[in-house]
Amino acid sequence: MAKSSGKYAGIARVGEKGQIVIPKGVRDLFDINPGDTLLVLADEKQGIVITKDDVLFQQFDAMLRGEGNS
């Protein structure tokens, strides 16, 4: 998908050591760079979410200020 759409669909394979490679399109879309910290959230029924840690902190901040009611 084009970067300008704000969306990306791709495949990541898990290596022998459990590592995954985040596709370049996703890294570009979310400005993920070497050394960045990512947060991994997992729920047995709902699946896995990987997000930049600063995104989660921004959402918490908005929620604490009463802006995250969506």
PDB file of N, CA and C in Angstrom:
ATOM      1  N   MET A   1       0.839  -1.189   0.000  1.00  0.00           N
ATOM      2  CA  MET A   1       0.000   0.000   0.000  1.00  0.00           C
ATOM      3  C   MET A   1       0.878   1.245   0.000  1.00  0.00           C
ATOM      4  N   ALA A   2       0.350   2.284  -0.522  1.00  0.00           N
ATOM      5  CA  ALA A   2       1.098   3.526  -0.566  1.00  0.00           C
ATOM      6  C   ALA A   2       1.201   4.139   0.823  1.00  0.00           C
ATOM      7  N   LYS A   3       2.341   4.754   1.104  1.00  0.00           N
ATOM      8  CA  LYS A   3       2.554   5.364   2.406  1.00  0.00           C
ATOM      9  C   LYS A   3       1.537   6.470   2.680  1.00  0.00           C
ATOM     10  N   SER A   4       1.133   7.190   1.643  1.00  0.00           N
ATOM     11  CA  SER A   4       0.223   8.307   1.841  1.00  0.00           C
ATOM     12  C   SER A   4      -1.157   7.876   2.335  1.00  0.00           C
ATOM     13  N   SER A   5      -1.497   6.600   2.186  1.00  0.00           N
ATOM     14  CA  SER A   5      -2.805   6.136   2.649  1.00  0.00           C
ATOM     15  C   SER A   5      -2.863   6.005   4.168  1.00  0.00           C
ATOM     16  N   GLY A   6      -1.713   5.996   4.825  1.00  0.00           N
ATOM     17  CA  GLY A   6      -1.681   5.852   6.271  1.00  0.00           C
ATOM     18  C   GLY A   6      -1.919   4.437   6.736  1.00  0.00           C
ATOM     19  N   LYS A   7      -1.884   3.484   5.803  1.00  0.00           N
ATOM     20  CA  LYS A   7      -2.116   2.076   6.143  1.00  0.00           C
ATOM     21  C   LYS A   7      -1.059   1.217   5.464  1.00  0.00           C
ATOM     22  N   TYR A   8      -0.894   0.016   5.981  1.00  0.00           N
ATOM     23  CA  TYR A   8       0.073  -0.913   5.395  1.00  0.00           C
ATOM     24  C   TYR A   8      -0.369  -2.333   5.701  1.00  0.00           C
ATOM     25  N   ALA A   9      -0.229  -3.190   4.744  1.00  0.00           N
ATOM     26  CA  ALA A   9      -0.479  -4.612   4.954  1.00  0.00           C
ATOM     27  C   ALA A   9       0.754  -5.359   4.478  1.00  0.00           C
ATOM     28  N   GLY A  10       1.234  -6.283   5.268  1.00  0.00           N
ATOM     29  CA  GLY A  10       2.417  -7.037   4.897  1.00  0.00           C
ATOM     30  C   GLY A  10       2.550  -8.275   5.757  1.00  0.00           C
ATOM     31  N   ILE A  11       3.637  -8.967   5.553  1.00  0.00           N
ATOM     32  CA  ILE A  11       3.890 -10.209   6.278  1.00  0.00           C
ATOM     33  C   ILE A  11       5.245 -10.109   6.964  1.00  0.00           C
ATOM     34  N   ALA A  12       5.322 -10.590   8.199  1.00  0.00           N
ATOM     35  CA  ALA A  12       6.588 -10.687   8.922  1.00  0.00           C
ATOM     36  C   ALA A  12       6.764 -12.136   9.350  1.00  0.00           C
ATOM     37  N   ARG A  13       7.912 -12.701   9.064  1.00  0.00           N
ATOM     38  CA  ARG A  13       8.190 -14.078   9.457  1.00  0.00           C
ATOM     39  C   ARG A  13       8.970 -14.100  10.769  1.00  0.00           C
ATOM     40  N   VAL A  14       8.720 -15.121  11.555  1.00  0.00           N
ATOM     41  CA  VAL A  14       9.424 -15.289  12.820  1.00  0.00           C
ATOM     42  C   VAL A  14      10.634 -16.177  12.571  1.00  0.00           C
ATOM     43  N   GLY A  15      11.815 -15.701  12.959  1.00  0.00           N
ATOM     44  CA  GLY A  15      13.046 -16.469  12.787  1.00  0.00           C
ATOM     45  C   GLY A  15      13.226 -17.496  13.896  1.00  0.00           C
ATOM     46  N   GLU A  16      14.300 -18.260  13.792  1.00  0.00           N
ATOM     47  CA  GLU A  16      14.580 -19.331  14.752  1.00  0.00           C
ATOM     48  C   GLU A  16      14.732 -18.815  16.178  1.00  0.00           C
ATOM     49  N   LYS A  17      15.191 -17.592  16.351  1.00  0.00           N
ATOM     50  CA  LYS A  17      15.373 -17.021  17.690  1.00  0.00           C
ATOM     51  C   LYS A  17      14.145 -16.245  18.156  1.00  0.00           C
ATOM     52  N   GLY A  18      13.037 -16.355  17.418  1.00  0.00           N
ATOM     53  CA  GLY A  18      11.814 -15.658  17.804  1.00  0.00           C
ATOM     54  C   GLY A  18      11.785 -14.204  17.367  1.00  0.00           C
ATOM     55  N   GLN A  19      12.730 -13.788  16.554  1.00  0.00           N
ATOM     56  CA  GLN A  19      12.789 -12.404  16.111  1.00  0.00           C
ATOM     57  C   GLN A  19      11.937 -12.206  14.860  1.00  0.00           C
ATOM     58  N   ILE A  20      11.362 -11.004  14.744  1.00  0.00           N
ATOM     59  CA  ILE A  20      10.651 -10.649  13.526  1.00  0.00           C
ATOM     60  C   ILE A  20      11.300  -9.411  12.924  1.00  0.00           C
ATOM     61  N   VAL A  21      11.148  -9.269  11.625  1.00  0.00           N
ATOM     62  CA  VAL A  21      11.603  -8.067  10.941  1.00  0.00           C
ATOM     63  C   VAL A  21      10.360  -7.256  10.616  1.00  0.00           C
ATOM     64  N   ILE A  22      10.332  -6.027  11.075  1.00  0.00           N
ATOM     65  CA  ILE A  22       9.212  -5.145  10.778  1.00  0.00           C
ATOM     66  C   ILE A  22       9.405  -4.644   9.353  1.00  0.00           C
ATOM     67  N   PRO A  23       8.407  -4.834   8.491  1.00  0.00           N
ATOM     68  CA  PRO A  23       8.560  -4.417   7.096  1.00  0.00           C
ATOM     69  C   PRO A  23       8.917  -2.935   6.969  1.00  0.00           C
ATOM     70  N   LYS A  24       9.708  -2.613   5.959  1.00  0.00           N
ATOM     71  CA  LYS A  24      10.173  -1.250   5.748  1.00  0.00           C
ATOM     72  C   LYS A  24       9.017  -0.266   5.641  1.00  0.00           C
ATOM     73  N   GLY A  25       7.941  -0.660   4.972  1.00  0.00           N
ATOM     74  CA  GLY A  25       6.795   0.235   4.840  1.00  0.00           C
ATOM     75  C   GLY A  25       6.216   0.641   6.180  1.00  0.00           C
ATOM     76  N   VAL A  26       6.194  -0.299   7.127  1.00  0.00           N
ATOM     77  CA  VAL A  26       5.694  -0.007   8.480  1.00  0.00           C
ATOM     78  C   VAL A  26       6.690   0.873   9.228  1.00  0.00           C
ATOM     79  N   ARG A  27       7.979   0.540   9.108  1.00  0.00           N
ATOM     80  CA  ARG A  27       9.003   1.366   9.777  1.00  0.00           C
ATOM     81  C   ARG A  27       8.945   2.797   9.279  1.00  0.00           C
ATOM     82  N   ASP A  28       8.778   2.977   7.977  1.00  0.00           N
ATOM     83  CA  ASP A  28       8.682   4.328   7.417  1.00  0.00           C
ATOM     84  C   ASP A  28       7.413   5.032   7.880  1.00  0.00           C
ATOM     85  N   LEU A  29       6.286   4.329   7.850  1.00  0.00           N
ATOM     86  CA  LEU A  29       4.997   4.906   8.220  1.00  0.00           C
ATOM     87  C   LEU A  29       4.993   5.407   9.659  1.00  0.00           C
ATOM     88  N   PHE A  30       5.624   4.641  10.562  1.00  0.00           N
ATOM     89  CA  PHE A  30       5.617   4.989  11.985  1.00  0.00           C
ATOM     90  C   PHE A  30       6.937   5.549  12.489  1.00  0.00           C
ATOM     91  N   ASP A  31       7.836   5.847  11.564  1.00  0.00           N
ATOM     92  CA  ASP A  31       9.146   6.418  11.917  1.00  0.00           C
ATOM     93  C   ASP A  31       9.845   5.572  12.980  1.00  0.00           C
ATOM     94  N   ILE A  32       9.907   4.274  12.731  1.00  0.00           N
ATOM     95  CA  ILE A  32      10.595   3.336  13.631  1.00  0.00           C
ATOM     96  C   ILE A  32      12.035   3.211  13.173  1.00  0.00           C
ATOM     97  N   ASN A  33      12.953   3.464  14.090  1.00  0.00           N
ATOM     98  CA  ASN A  33      14.382   3.466  13.766  1.00  0.00           C
ATOM     99  C   ASN A  33      15.136   2.529  14.689  1.00  0.00           C
ATOM    100  N   PRO A  34      16.332   2.105  14.273  1.00  0.00           N
ATOM    101  CA  PRO A  34      17.151   1.253  15.152  1.00  0.00           C
ATOM    102  C   PRO A  34      17.319   1.899  16.523  1.00  0.00           C
ATOM    103  N   GLY A  35      17.142   1.113  17.559  1.00  0.00           N
ATOM    104  CA  GLY A  35      17.273   1.608  18.931  1.00  0.00           C
ATOM    105  C   GLY A  35      15.969   2.088  19.536  1.00  0.00           C
ATOM    106  N   ASP A  36      14.926   2.259  18.726  1.00  0.00           N
ATOM    107  CA  ASP A  36      13.624   2.654  19.279  1.00  0.00           C
ATOM    108  C   ASP A  36      13.088   1.548  20.175  1.00  0.00           C
ATOM    109  N   THR A  37      12.285   1.934  21.139  1.00  0.00           N
ATOM    110  CA  THR A  37      11.651   0.980  22.037  1.00  0.00           C
ATOM    111  C   THR A  37      10.219   0.763  21.589  1.00  0.00           C
ATOM    112  N   LEU A  38       9.834  -0.502  21.448  1.00  0.00           N
ATOM    113  CA  LEU A  38       8.477  -0.853  21.067  1.00  0.00           C
ATOM    114  C   LEU A  38       7.814  -1.591  22.213  1.00  0.00           C
ATOM    115  N   LEU A  39       6.534  -1.393  22.352  1.00  0.00           N
ATOM    116  CA  LEU A  39       5.757  -2.053  23.384  1.00  0.00           C
ATOM    117  C   LEU A  39       4.969  -3.180  22.739  1.00  0.00           C
ATOM    118  N   VAL A  40       5.036  -4.372  23.308  1.00  0.00           N
ATOM    119  CA  VAL A  40       4.299  -5.527  22.801  1.00  0.00           C
ATOM    120  C   VAL A  40       3.214  -5.873  23.811  1.00  0.00           C
ATOM    121  N   LEU A  41       1.964  -5.843  23.356  1.00  0.00           N
ATOM    122  CA  LEU A  41       0.830  -6.210  24.186  1.00  0.00           C
ATOM    123  C   LEU A  41       0.218  -7.464  23.588  1.00  0.00           C
ATOM    124  N   ALA A  42      -0.142  -8.427  24.428  1.00  0.00           N
ATOM    125  CA  ALA A  42      -0.702  -9.674  23.921  1.00  0.00           C
ATOM    126  C   ALA A  42      -1.898 -10.096  24.752  1.00  0.00           C
ATOM    127  N   ASP A  43      -2.905 -10.576  24.059  1.00  0.00           N
ATOM    128  CA  ASP A  43      -4.096 -11.127  24.682  1.00  0.00           C
ATOM    129  C   ASP A  43      -4.403 -12.427  23.955  1.00  0.00           C
ATOM    130  N   GLU A  44      -4.581 -13.489  24.710  1.00  0.00           N
ATOM    131  CA  GLU A  44      -4.776 -14.807  24.123  1.00  0.00           C
ATOM    132  C   GLU A  44      -5.937 -14.853  23.134  1.00  0.00           C
ATOM    133  N   LYS A  45      -6.978 -14.074  23.374  1.00  0.00           N
ATOM    134  CA  LYS A  45      -8.153 -14.100  22.504  1.00  0.00           C
ATOM    135  C   LYS A  45      -8.119 -13.025  21.415  1.00  0.00           C
ATOM    136  N   GLN A  46      -7.530 -11.872  21.717  1.00  0.00           N
ATOM    137  CA  GLN A  46      -7.579 -10.753  20.778  1.00  0.00           C
ATOM    138  C   GLN A  46      -6.330 -10.614  19.921  1.00  0.00           C
ATOM    139  N   GLY A  47      -5.219 -11.211  20.311  1.00  0.00           N
ATOM    140  CA  GLY A  47      -4.026 -11.164  19.482  1.00  0.00           C
ATOM    141  C   GLY A  47      -2.916 -10.310  20.054  1.00  0.00           C
ATOM    142  N   ILE A  48      -2.040  -9.868  19.160  1.00  0.00           N
ATOM    143  CA  ILE A  48      -0.829  -9.138  19.535  1.00  0.00           C
ATOM    144  C   ILE A  48      -0.873  -7.736  18.930  1.00  0.00           C
ATOM    145  N   VAL A  49      -0.410  -6.764  19.715  1.00  0.00           N
ATOM    146  CA  VAL A  49      -0.260  -5.390  19.242  1.00  0.00           C
ATOM    147  C   VAL A  49       1.176  -4.975  19.504  1.00  0.00           C
ATOM    148  N   ILE A  50       1.782  -4.368  18.515  1.00  0.00           N
ATOM    149  CA  ILE A  50       3.116  -3.791  18.682  1.00  0.00           C
ATOM    150  C   ILE A  50       2.990  -2.306  18.381  1.00  0.00           C
ATOM    151  N   THR A  51       3.419  -1.464  19.319  1.00  0.00           N
ATOM    152  CA  THR A  51       3.313  -0.023  19.133  1.00  0.00           C
ATOM    153  C   THR A  51       4.565   0.646  19.691  1.00  0.00           C
ATOM    154  N   LYS A  52       4.821   1.844  19.220  1.00  0.00           N
ATOM    155  CA  LYS A  52       5.920   2.604  19.803  1.00  0.00           C
ATOM    156  C   LYS A  52       5.502   3.001  21.210  1.00  0.00           C
ATOM    157  N   ASP A  53       6.423   2.965  22.133  1.00  0.00           N
ATOM    158  CA  ASP A  53       6.067   3.261  23.519  1.00  0.00           C
ATOM    159  C   ASP A  53       5.554   4.681  23.689  1.00  0.00           C
ATOM    160  N   ASP A  54       6.046   5.633  22.909  1.00  0.00           N
ATOM    161  CA  ASP A  54       5.589   7.012  23.055  1.00  0.00           C
ATOM    162  C   ASP A  54       4.132   7.176  22.627  1.00  0.00           C
ATOM    163  N   VAL A  55       3.648   6.345  21.706  1.00  0.00           N
ATOM    164  CA  VAL A  55       2.246   6.395  21.294  1.00  0.00           C
ATOM    165  C   VAL A  55       1.347   6.045  22.473  1.00  0.00           C
ATOM    166  N   LEU A  56       1.709   4.999  23.192  1.00  0.00           N
ATOM    167  CA  LEU A  56       0.914   4.592  24.345  1.00  0.00           C
ATOM    168  C   LEU A  56       0.924   5.677  25.419  1.00  0.00           C
ATOM    169  N   PHE A  57       2.071   6.285  25.656  1.00  0.00           N
ATOM    170  CA  PHE A  57       2.147   7.342  26.663  1.00  0.00           C
ATOM    171  C   PHE A  57       1.295   8.546  26.257  1.00  0.00           C
ATOM    172  N   GLN A  58       1.244   8.856  24.958  1.00  0.00           N
ATOM    173  CA  GLN A  58       0.399   9.949  24.485  1.00  0.00           C
ATOM    174  C   GLN A  58      -1.074   9.626  24.729  1.00  0.00           C
ATOM    175  N   GLN A  59      -1.457   8.376  24.499  1.00  0.00           N
ATOM    176  CA  GLN A  59      -2.847   7.971  24.727  1.00  0.00           C
ATOM    177  C   GLN A  59      -3.201   8.032  26.210  1.00  0.00           C
ATOM    178  N   PHE A  60      -2.290   7.583  27.082  1.00  0.00           N
ATOM    179  CA  PHE A  60      -2.520   7.675  28.528  1.00  0.00           C
ATOM    180  C   PHE A  60      -2.672   9.130  28.951  1.00  0.00           C
ATOM    181  N   ASP A  61      -1.819   9.995  28.421  1.00  0.00           N
ATOM    182  CA  ASP A  61      -1.867  11.402  28.763  1.00  0.00           C
ATOM    183  C   ASP A  61      -3.214  12.003  28.349  1.00  0.00           C
ATOM    184  N   ALA A  62      -3.659  11.681  27.130  1.00  0.00           N
ATOM    185  CA  ALA A  62      -4.948  12.188  26.653  1.00  0.00           C
ATOM    186  C   ALA A  62      -6.094  11.659  27.523  1.00  0.00           C
ATOM    187  N   MET A  63      -6.003  10.400  27.922  1.00  0.00           N
ATOM    188  CA  MET A  63      -7.036   9.805  28.746  1.00  0.00           C
ATOM    189  C   MET A  63      -7.092  10.496  30.111  1.00  0.00           C
ATOM    190  N   LEU A  64      -5.936  10.781  30.686  1.00  0.00           N
ATOM    191  CA  LEU A  64      -5.896  11.450  31.982  1.00  0.00           C
ATOM    192  C   LEU A  64      -6.448  12.870  31.902  1.00  0.00           C
ATOM    193  N   ARG A  65      -6.323  13.501  30.742  1.00  0.00           N
ATOM    194  CA  ARG A  65      -6.868  14.838  30.556  1.00  0.00           C
ATOM    195  C   ARG A  65      -8.321  14.811  30.097  1.00  0.00           C
ATOM    196  N   GLY A  66      -8.905  13.596  29.980  1.00  0.00           N
ATOM    197  CA  GLY A  66     -10.302  13.472  29.598  1.00  0.00           C
ATOM    198  C   GLY A  66     -10.553  13.563  28.108  1.00  0.00           C
ATOM    199  N   GLU A  67      -9.502  13.394  27.285  1.00  0.00           N
ATOM    200  CA  GLU A  67      -9.642  13.509  25.847  1.00  0.00           C
ATOM    201  C   GLU A  67      -9.760  12.160  25.157  1.00  0.00           C
ATOM    202  N   GLY A  68      -9.598  11.068  25.855  1.00  0.00           N
ATOM    203  CA  GLY A  68      -9.569   9.746  25.217  1.00  0.00           C
ATOM    204  C   GLY A  68     -10.858   8.974  25.366  1.00  0.00           C
ATOM    205  N   ASN A  69     -11.973   9.579  25.095  1.00  0.00           N
ATOM    206  CA  ASN A  69     -13.265   8.944  25.292  1.00  0.00           C
ATOM    207  C   ASN A  69     -13.789   8.256  24.051  1.00  0.00           C
ATOM    208  N   SER A  70     -12.925   7.892  23.110  1.00  0.00           N
ATOM    209  CA  SER A  70     -13.412   7.221  21.893  1.00  0.00           C
ATOM    210  C   SER A  70     -13.294   5.730  21.964  1.00  0.00           C
TER     211      SER A  70
END
